PDB file of all heavy atoms in Angstrom:
ATOM      1  N   THR A   1       4.787  -5.402  -2.170  1.00  0.00           N
ATOM      2  CA  THR A   1       3.423  -5.104  -1.724  1.00  0.00           C
ATOM      3  C   THR A   1       3.138  -3.610  -1.805  1.00  0.00           C
ATOM      4  O   THR A   1       2.085  -3.186  -2.310  1.00  0.00           O
ATOM      5  CB  THR A   1       3.228  -5.599  -0.282  1.00  0.00           C
ATOM      6  OG1 THR A   1       3.350  -7.022  -0.247  1.00  0.00           O
ATOM      7  CG2 THR A   1       1.855  -5.214   0.254  1.00  0.00           C
ATOM      8  N   LEU A   2       4.071  -2.798  -1.336  1.00  0.00           N
ATOM      9  CA  LEU A   2       3.868  -1.348  -1.393  1.00  0.00           C
ATOM     10  C   LEU A   2       3.805  -0.859  -2.837  1.00  0.00           C
ATOM     11  O   LEU A   2       2.990   0.019  -3.166  1.00  0.00           O
ATOM     12  CB  LEU A   2       4.993  -0.638  -0.641  1.00  0.00           C
ATOM     13  CG  LEU A   2       4.989  -0.800   0.883  1.00  0.00           C
ATOM     14  CD1 LEU A   2       6.197  -0.104   1.497  1.00  0.00           C
ATOM     15  CD2 LEU A   2       3.693  -0.258   1.496  1.00  0.00           C
ATOM     16  N   GLU A   3       4.632  -1.414  -3.683  1.00  0.00           N
ATOM     17  CA  GLU A   3       4.610  -1.003  -5.088  1.00  0.00           C
ATOM     18  C   GLU A   3       3.280  -1.375  -5.748  1.00  0.00           C
ATOM     19  O   GLU A   3       2.725  -0.600  -6.542  1.00  0.00           O
ATOM     20  CB  GLU A   3       5.776  -1.630  -5.838  1.00  0.00           C
ATOM     21  CG  GLU A   3       7.130  -1.066  -5.411  1.00  0.00           C
ATOM     22  CD  GLU A   3       8.296  -1.725  -6.109  1.00  0.00           C
ATOM     23  OE1 GLU A   3       8.081  -2.764  -6.779  1.00  0.00           O
ATOM     24  OE2 GLU A   3       9.413  -1.207  -5.990  1.00  0.00           O
ATOM     25  N   LEU A   4       2.767  -2.562  -5.409  1.00  0.00           N
ATOM     26  CA  LEU A   4       1.499  -3.001  -5.993  1.00  0.00           C
ATOM     27  C   LEU A   4       0.347  -2.103  -5.568  1.00  0.00           C
ATOM     28  O   LEU A   4      -0.474  -1.689  -6.400  1.00  0.00           O
ATOM     29  CB  LEU A   4       1.213  -4.446  -5.589  1.00  0.00           C
ATOM     30  CG  LEU A   4       2.041  -5.538  -6.265  1.00  0.00           C
ATOM     31  CD1 LEU A   4       1.780  -6.883  -5.611  1.00  0.00           C
ATOM     32  CD2 LEU A   4       1.739  -5.596  -7.759  1.00  0.00           C
ATOM     33  N   ILE A   5       0.258  -1.807  -4.284  1.00  0.00           N
ATOM     34  CA  ILE A   5      -0.904  -1.047  -3.811  1.00  0.00           C
ATOM     35  C   ILE A   5      -0.819   0.438  -4.163  1.00  0.00           C
ATOM     36  O   ILE A   5      -1.825   1.150  -4.054  1.00  0.00           O
ATOM     37  CB  ILE A   5      -1.137  -1.227  -2.295  1.00  0.00           C
ATOM     38  CG1 ILE A   5       0.038  -0.692  -1.478  1.00  0.00           C
ATOM     39  CG2 ILE A   5      -1.428  -2.688  -1.972  1.00  0.00           C
ATOM     40  CD1 ILE A   5      -0.175  -0.805   0.028  1.00  0.00           C
ATOM     41  N   THR A   6       0.354   0.891  -4.603  1.00  0.00           N
ATOM     42  CA  THR A   6       0.447   2.278  -5.055  1.00  0.00           C
ATOM     43  C   THR A   6       0.213   2.419  -6.549  1.00  0.00           C
ATOM     44  O   THR A   6       0.007   3.537  -7.033  1.00  0.00           O
ATOM     45  CB  THR A   6       1.826   2.888  -4.726  1.00  0.00           C
ATOM     46  OG1 THR A   6       2.863   2.062  -5.267  1.00  0.00           O
ATOM     47  CG2 THR A   6       2.013   3.025  -3.225  1.00  0.00           C
ATOM     48  N   THR A   7       0.227   1.307  -7.265  1.00  0.00           N
ATOM     49  CA  THR A   7       0.090   1.395  -8.728  1.00  0.00           C
ATOM     50  C   THR A   7      -1.268   0.920  -9.237  1.00  0.00           C
ATOM     51  O   THR A   7      -1.543   1.048 -10.433  1.00  0.00           O
ATOM     52  CB  THR A   7       1.190   0.574  -9.428  1.00  0.00           C
ATOM     53  OG1 THR A   7       1.181  -0.766  -8.928  1.00  0.00           O
ATOM     54  CG2 THR A   7       2.554   1.183  -9.172  1.00  0.00           C
ATOM     55  N   VAL A   8      -2.104   0.376  -8.357  1.00  0.00           N
ATOM     56  CA  VAL A   8      -3.444  -0.042  -8.783  1.00  0.00           C
ATOM     57  C   VAL A   8      -4.487   0.632  -7.907  1.00  0.00           C
ATOM     58  O   VAL A   8      -4.211   0.988  -6.755  1.00  0.00           O
ATOM     59  CB  VAL A   8      -3.619  -1.576  -8.702  1.00  0.00           C
ATOM     60  CG1 VAL A   8      -2.617  -2.281  -9.585  1.00  0.00           C
ATOM     61  CG2 VAL A   8      -3.505  -2.075  -7.264  1.00  0.00           C
ATOM     62  N   ARG A   9      -5.653   0.820  -8.459  1.00  0.00           N
ATOM     63  CA  ARG A   9      -6.778   1.337  -7.676  1.00  0.00           C
ATOM     64  C   ARG A   9      -7.378   0.191  -6.872  1.00  0.00           C
ATOM     65  O   ARG A   9      -7.578  -0.912  -7.387  1.00  0.00           O
ATOM     66  CB  ARG A   9      -7.831   1.967  -8.591  1.00  0.00           C
ATOM     67  CG  ARG A   9      -7.404   3.320  -9.179  1.00  0.00           C
ATOM     68  CD  ARG A   9      -7.229   4.367  -8.092  1.00  0.00           C
ATOM     69  NE  ARG A   9      -6.785   5.647  -8.604  1.00  0.00           N
ATOM     70  CZ  ARG A   9      -7.596   6.657  -8.902  1.00  0.00           C
ATOM     71  NH1 ARG A   9      -8.899   6.513  -8.762  1.00  0.00           N
ATOM     72  NH2 ARG A   9      -7.117   7.791  -9.348  1.00  0.00           N
ATOM     73  N   LEU A  10      -7.650   0.447  -5.615  1.00  0.00           N
ATOM     74  CA  LEU A  10      -8.150  -0.578  -4.705  1.00  0.00           C
ATOM     75  C   LEU A  10      -9.632  -0.342  -4.423  1.00  0.00           C
ATOM     76  O   LEU A  10     -10.068   0.805  -4.288  1.00  0.00           O
ATOM     77  CB  LEU A  10      -7.365  -0.544  -3.394  1.00  0.00           C
ATOM     78  CG  LEU A  10      -5.837  -0.641  -3.505  1.00  0.00           C
ATOM     79  CD1 LEU A  10      -5.190  -0.335  -2.165  1.00  0.00           C
ATOM     80  CD2 LEU A  10      -5.429  -2.027  -3.981  1.00  0.00           C
ATOM     81  N   GLY A  11     -10.373  -1.430  -4.293  1.00  0.00           N
ATOM     82  CA  GLY A  11     -11.768  -1.300  -3.916  1.00  0.00           C
ATOM     83  C   GLY A  11     -12.657  -0.855  -5.055  1.00  0.00           C
ATOM     84  O   GLY A  11     -12.195  -0.389  -6.097  1.00  0.00           O
ATOM     85  N   PRO A  12     -13.969  -0.969  -4.880  1.00  0.00           N
ATOM     86  CA  PRO A  12     -14.931  -0.658  -5.953  1.00  0.00           C
ATOM     87  C   PRO A  12     -14.986   0.824  -6.313  1.00  0.00           C
ATOM     88  O   PRO A  12     -15.386   1.187  -7.409  1.00  0.00           O
ATOM     89  CB  PRO A  12     -16.267  -1.135  -5.367  1.00  0.00           C
ATOM     90  CG  PRO A  12     -16.069  -1.093  -3.880  1.00  0.00           C
ATOM     91  CD  PRO A  12     -14.634  -1.449  -3.656  1.00  0.00           C
ATOM     92  N   ASP A  13     -14.565   1.701  -5.393  1.00  0.00           N
ATOM     93  CA  ASP A  13     -14.652   3.137  -5.657  1.00  0.00           C
ATOM     94  C   ASP A  13     -13.319   3.751  -6.036  1.00  0.00           C
ATOM     95  O   ASP A  13     -13.157   4.972  -6.030  1.00  0.00           O
ATOM     96  CB  ASP A  13     -15.216   3.860  -4.421  1.00  0.00           C
ATOM     97  CG  ASP A  13     -16.629   3.414  -4.089  1.00  0.00           C
ATOM     98  OD1 ASP A  13     -17.402   3.178  -5.038  1.00  0.00           O
ATOM     99  OD2 ASP A  13     -16.952   3.293  -2.894  1.00  0.00           O
ATOM    100  N   GLY A  14     -12.319   2.913  -6.343  1.00  0.00           N
ATOM    101  CA  GLY A  14     -11.055   3.440  -6.824  1.00  0.00           C
ATOM    102  C   GLY A  14     -10.203   4.097  -5.774  1.00  0.00           C
ATOM    103  O   GLY A  14      -9.678   5.200  -5.965  1.00  0.00           O
ATOM    104  N   ILE A  15     -10.044   3.441  -4.614  1.00  0.00           N
ATOM    105  CA  ILE A  15      -9.174   3.945  -3.557  1.00  0.00           C
ATOM    106  C   ILE A  15      -7.740   3.999  -4.080  1.00  0.00           C
ATOM    107  O   ILE A  15      -7.297   3.107  -4.798  1.00  0.00           O
ATOM    108  CB  ILE A  15      -9.247   3.007  -2.336  1.00  0.00           C
ATOM    109  CG1 ILE A  15     -10.682   2.963  -1.801  1.00  0.00           C
ATOM    110  CG2 ILE A  15      -8.288   3.429  -1.238  1.00  0.00           C
ATOM    111  CD1 ILE A  15     -10.954   1.740  -0.961  1.00  0.00           C
ATOM    112  N   SER A  16      -7.002   5.040  -3.709  1.00  0.00           N
ATOM    113  CA  SER A  16      -5.617   5.139  -4.151  1.00  0.00           C
ATOM    114  C   SER A  16      -4.690   5.444  -2.979  1.00  0.00           C
ATOM    115  O   SER A  16      -5.105   5.999  -1.960  1.00  0.00           O
ATOM    116  CB  SER A  16      -5.450   6.218  -5.226  1.00  0.00           C
ATOM    117  OG  SER A  16      -5.635   7.511  -4.688  1.00  0.00           O
ATOM    118  N   VAL A  17      -3.413   5.057  -3.150  1.00  0.00           N
ATOM    119  CA  VAL A  17      -2.381   5.247  -2.131  1.00  0.00           C
ATOM    120  C   VAL A  17      -1.381   6.276  -2.634  1.00  0.00           C
ATOM    121  O   VAL A  17      -0.975   6.253  -3.804  1.00  0.00           O
ATOM    122  CB  VAL A  17      -1.677   3.910  -1.828  1.00  0.00           C
ATOM    123  CG1 VAL A  17      -0.418   4.123  -0.988  1.00  0.00           C
ATOM    124  CG2 VAL A  17      -2.639   2.966  -1.120  1.00  0.00           C
ATOM    125  N   ASP A  18      -0.957   7.157  -1.756  1.00  0.00           N
ATOM    126  CA  ASP A  18       0.052   8.166  -2.083  1.00  0.00           C
ATOM    127  C   ASP A  18       1.444   7.545  -1.929  1.00  0.00           C
ATOM    128  O   ASP A  18       1.809   7.123  -0.829  1.00  0.00           O
ATOM    129  CB  ASP A  18      -0.091   9.360  -1.136  1.00  0.00           C
ATOM    130  CG  ASP A  18       0.813  10.523  -1.513  1.00  0.00           C
ATOM    131  OD1 ASP A  18       1.826  10.307  -2.198  1.00  0.00           O
ATOM    132  OD2 ASP A  18       0.510  11.653  -1.086  1.00  0.00           O
ATOM    133  N   PRO A  19       2.254   7.464  -2.993  1.00  0.00           N
ATOM    134  CA  PRO A  19       3.582   6.853  -2.891  1.00  0.00           C
ATOM    135  C   PRO A  19       4.548   7.617  -1.997  1.00  0.00           C
ATOM    136  O   PRO A  19       5.646   7.130  -1.700  1.00  0.00           O
ATOM    137  CB  PRO A  19       4.073   6.824  -4.341  1.00  0.00           C
ATOM    138  CG  PRO A  19       3.279   7.864  -5.041  1.00  0.00           C
ATOM    139  CD  PRO A  19       1.946   7.898  -4.370  1.00  0.00           C
ATOM    140  N   ALA A  20       4.161   8.811  -1.539  1.00  0.00           N
ATOM    141  CA  ALA A  20       4.992   9.578  -0.614  1.00  0.00           C
ATOM    142  C   ALA A  20       4.572   9.369   0.839  1.00  0.00           C
ATOM    143  O   ALA A  20       5.098  10.030   1.733  1.00  0.00           O
ATOM    144  CB  ALA A  20       4.931  11.066  -0.961  1.00  0.00           C
ATOM    145  N   LYS A  21       3.631   8.445   1.075  1.00  0.00           N
ATOM    146  CA  LYS A  21       3.130   8.208   2.441  1.00  0.00           C
ATOM    147  C   LYS A  21       3.163   6.713   2.762  1.00  0.00           C
ATOM    148  O   LYS A  21       2.141   6.092   3.057  1.00  0.00           O
ATOM    149  CB  LYS A  21       1.699   8.722   2.582  1.00  0.00           C
ATOM    150  CG  LYS A  21       1.531  10.225   2.356  1.00  0.00           C
ATOM    151  CD  LYS A  21       0.067  10.623   2.463  1.00  0.00           C
ATOM    152  CE  LYS A  21      -0.127  12.116   2.213  1.00  0.00           C
ATOM    153  NZ  LYS A  21      -1.576  12.493   2.257  1.00  0.00           N
ATOM    154  N   LEU A  22       4.354   6.121   2.703  1.00  0.00           N
ATOM    155  CA  LEU A  22       4.475   4.673   2.865  1.00  0.00           C
ATOM    156  C   LEU A  22       5.285   4.312   4.111  1.00  0.00           C
ATOM    157  O   LEU A  22       6.279   4.958   4.433  1.00  0.00           O
ATOM    158  CB  LEU A  22       5.153   4.062   1.636  1.00  0.00           C
ATOM    159  CG  LEU A  22       4.474   4.304   0.288  1.00  0.00           C
ATOM    160  CD1 LEU A  22       5.283   3.656  -0.826  1.00  0.00           C
ATOM    161  CD2 LEU A  22       3.041   3.784   0.295  1.00  0.00           C
ATOM    162  N   GLY A  23       4.862   3.233   4.780  1.00  0.00           N
ATOM    163  CA  GLY A  23       5.566   2.741   5.950  1.00  0.00           C
ATOM    164  C   GLY A  23       5.700   1.236   5.929  1.00  0.00           C
ATOM    165  O   GLY A  23       5.074   0.548   5.109  1.00  0.00           O
ATOM    166  N   LEU A  24       6.511   0.718   6.829  1.00  0.00           N
ATOM    167  CA  LEU A  24       6.722  -0.719   6.986  1.00  0.00           C
ATOM    168  C   LEU A  24       6.500  -1.093   8.437  1.00  0.00           C
ATOM    169  O   LEU A  24       6.775  -0.310   9.350  1.00  0.00           O
ATOM    170  CB  LEU A  24       8.147  -1.098   6.581  1.00  0.00           C
ATOM    171  CG  LEU A  24       8.485  -1.000   5.094  1.00  0.00           C
ATOM    172  CD1 LEU A  24       9.999  -0.965   4.890  1.00  0.00           C
ATOM    173  CD2 LEU A  24       7.873  -2.165   4.325  1.00  0.00           C
ATOM    174  N   ALA A  25       6.014  -2.312   8.642  1.00  0.00           N
ATOM    175  CA  ALA A  25       5.779  -2.793  10.002  1.00  0.00           C
ATOM    176  C   ALA A  25       5.922  -4.307  10.015  1.00  0.00           C
ATOM    177  O   ALA A  25       5.965  -4.949   8.956  1.00  0.00           O
ATOM    178  CB  ALA A  25       4.380  -2.384  10.484  1.00  0.00           C
ATOM    179  N   GLY A  26       5.994  -4.884  11.204  1.00  0.00           N
ATOM    180  CA  GLY A  26       6.068  -6.334  11.273  1.00  0.00           C
ATOM    181  C   GLY A  26       6.213  -6.846  12.686  1.00  0.00           C
ATOM    182  O   GLY A  26       6.529  -6.101  13.627  1.00  0.00           O
ATOM    183  N   HIS A  27       5.979  -8.145  12.814  1.00  0.00           N
ATOM    184  CA  HIS A  27       6.069  -8.861  14.084  1.00  0.00           C
ATOM    185  C   HIS A  27       7.126  -9.945  13.967  1.00  0.00           C
ATOM    186  O   HIS A  27       7.242 -10.601  12.934  1.00  0.00           O
ATOM    187  CB  HIS A  27       4.704  -9.488  14.414  1.00  0.00           C
ATOM    188  CG  HIS A  27       4.762 -10.533  15.492  1.00  0.00           C
ATOM    189  ND1 HIS A  27       4.352 -11.836  15.286  1.00  0.00           N
ATOM    190  CD2 HIS A  27       5.199 -10.472  16.782  1.00  0.00           C
ATOM    191  CE1 HIS A  27       4.513 -12.532  16.408  1.00  0.00           C
ATOM    192  NE2 HIS A  27       5.032 -11.729  17.320  1.00  0.00           N
ATOM    193  N   SER A  28       7.928 -10.124  15.028  1.00  0.00           N
ATOM    194  CA  SER A  28       8.908 -11.200  15.083  1.00  0.00           C
ATOM    195  C   SER A  28       9.886 -11.078  13.910  1.00  0.00           C
ATOM    196  O   SER A  28      10.416 -10.002  13.656  1.00  0.00           O
ATOM    197  CB  SER A  28       8.161 -12.546  15.092  1.00  0.00           C
ATOM    198  OG  SER A  28       9.039 -13.631  15.225  1.00  0.00           O
ATOM    199  N   THR A  29      10.133 -12.169  13.193  1.00  0.00           N
ATOM    200  CA  THR A  29      11.040 -12.069  12.042  1.00  0.00           C
ATOM    201  C   THR A  29      10.451 -11.198  10.938  1.00  0.00           C
ATOM    202  O   THR A  29      11.194 -10.670  10.106  1.00  0.00           O
ATOM    203  CB  THR A  29      11.366 -13.465  11.487  1.00  0.00           C
ATOM    204  OG1 THR A  29      10.147 -14.195  11.286  1.00  0.00           O
ATOM    205  CG2 THR A  29      12.269 -14.236  12.434  1.00  0.00           C
ATOM    206  N   GLY A  30       9.139 -11.027  10.941  1.00  0.00           N
ATOM    207  CA  GLY A  30       8.534 -10.079  10.008  1.00  0.00           C
ATOM    208  C   GLY A  30       8.911  -8.651  10.347  1.00  0.00           C
ATOM    209  O   GLY A  30       9.028  -7.800   9.460  1.00  0.00           O
TER     210      GLY A  30
END
């Protein structure tokens, strides 16, 4: 998921993610 959202532009205006600013989170077994 992190790799996908850092390699494609998101949204109609080309939102981008910085690959040096990534985190993980989750609930329960997630």
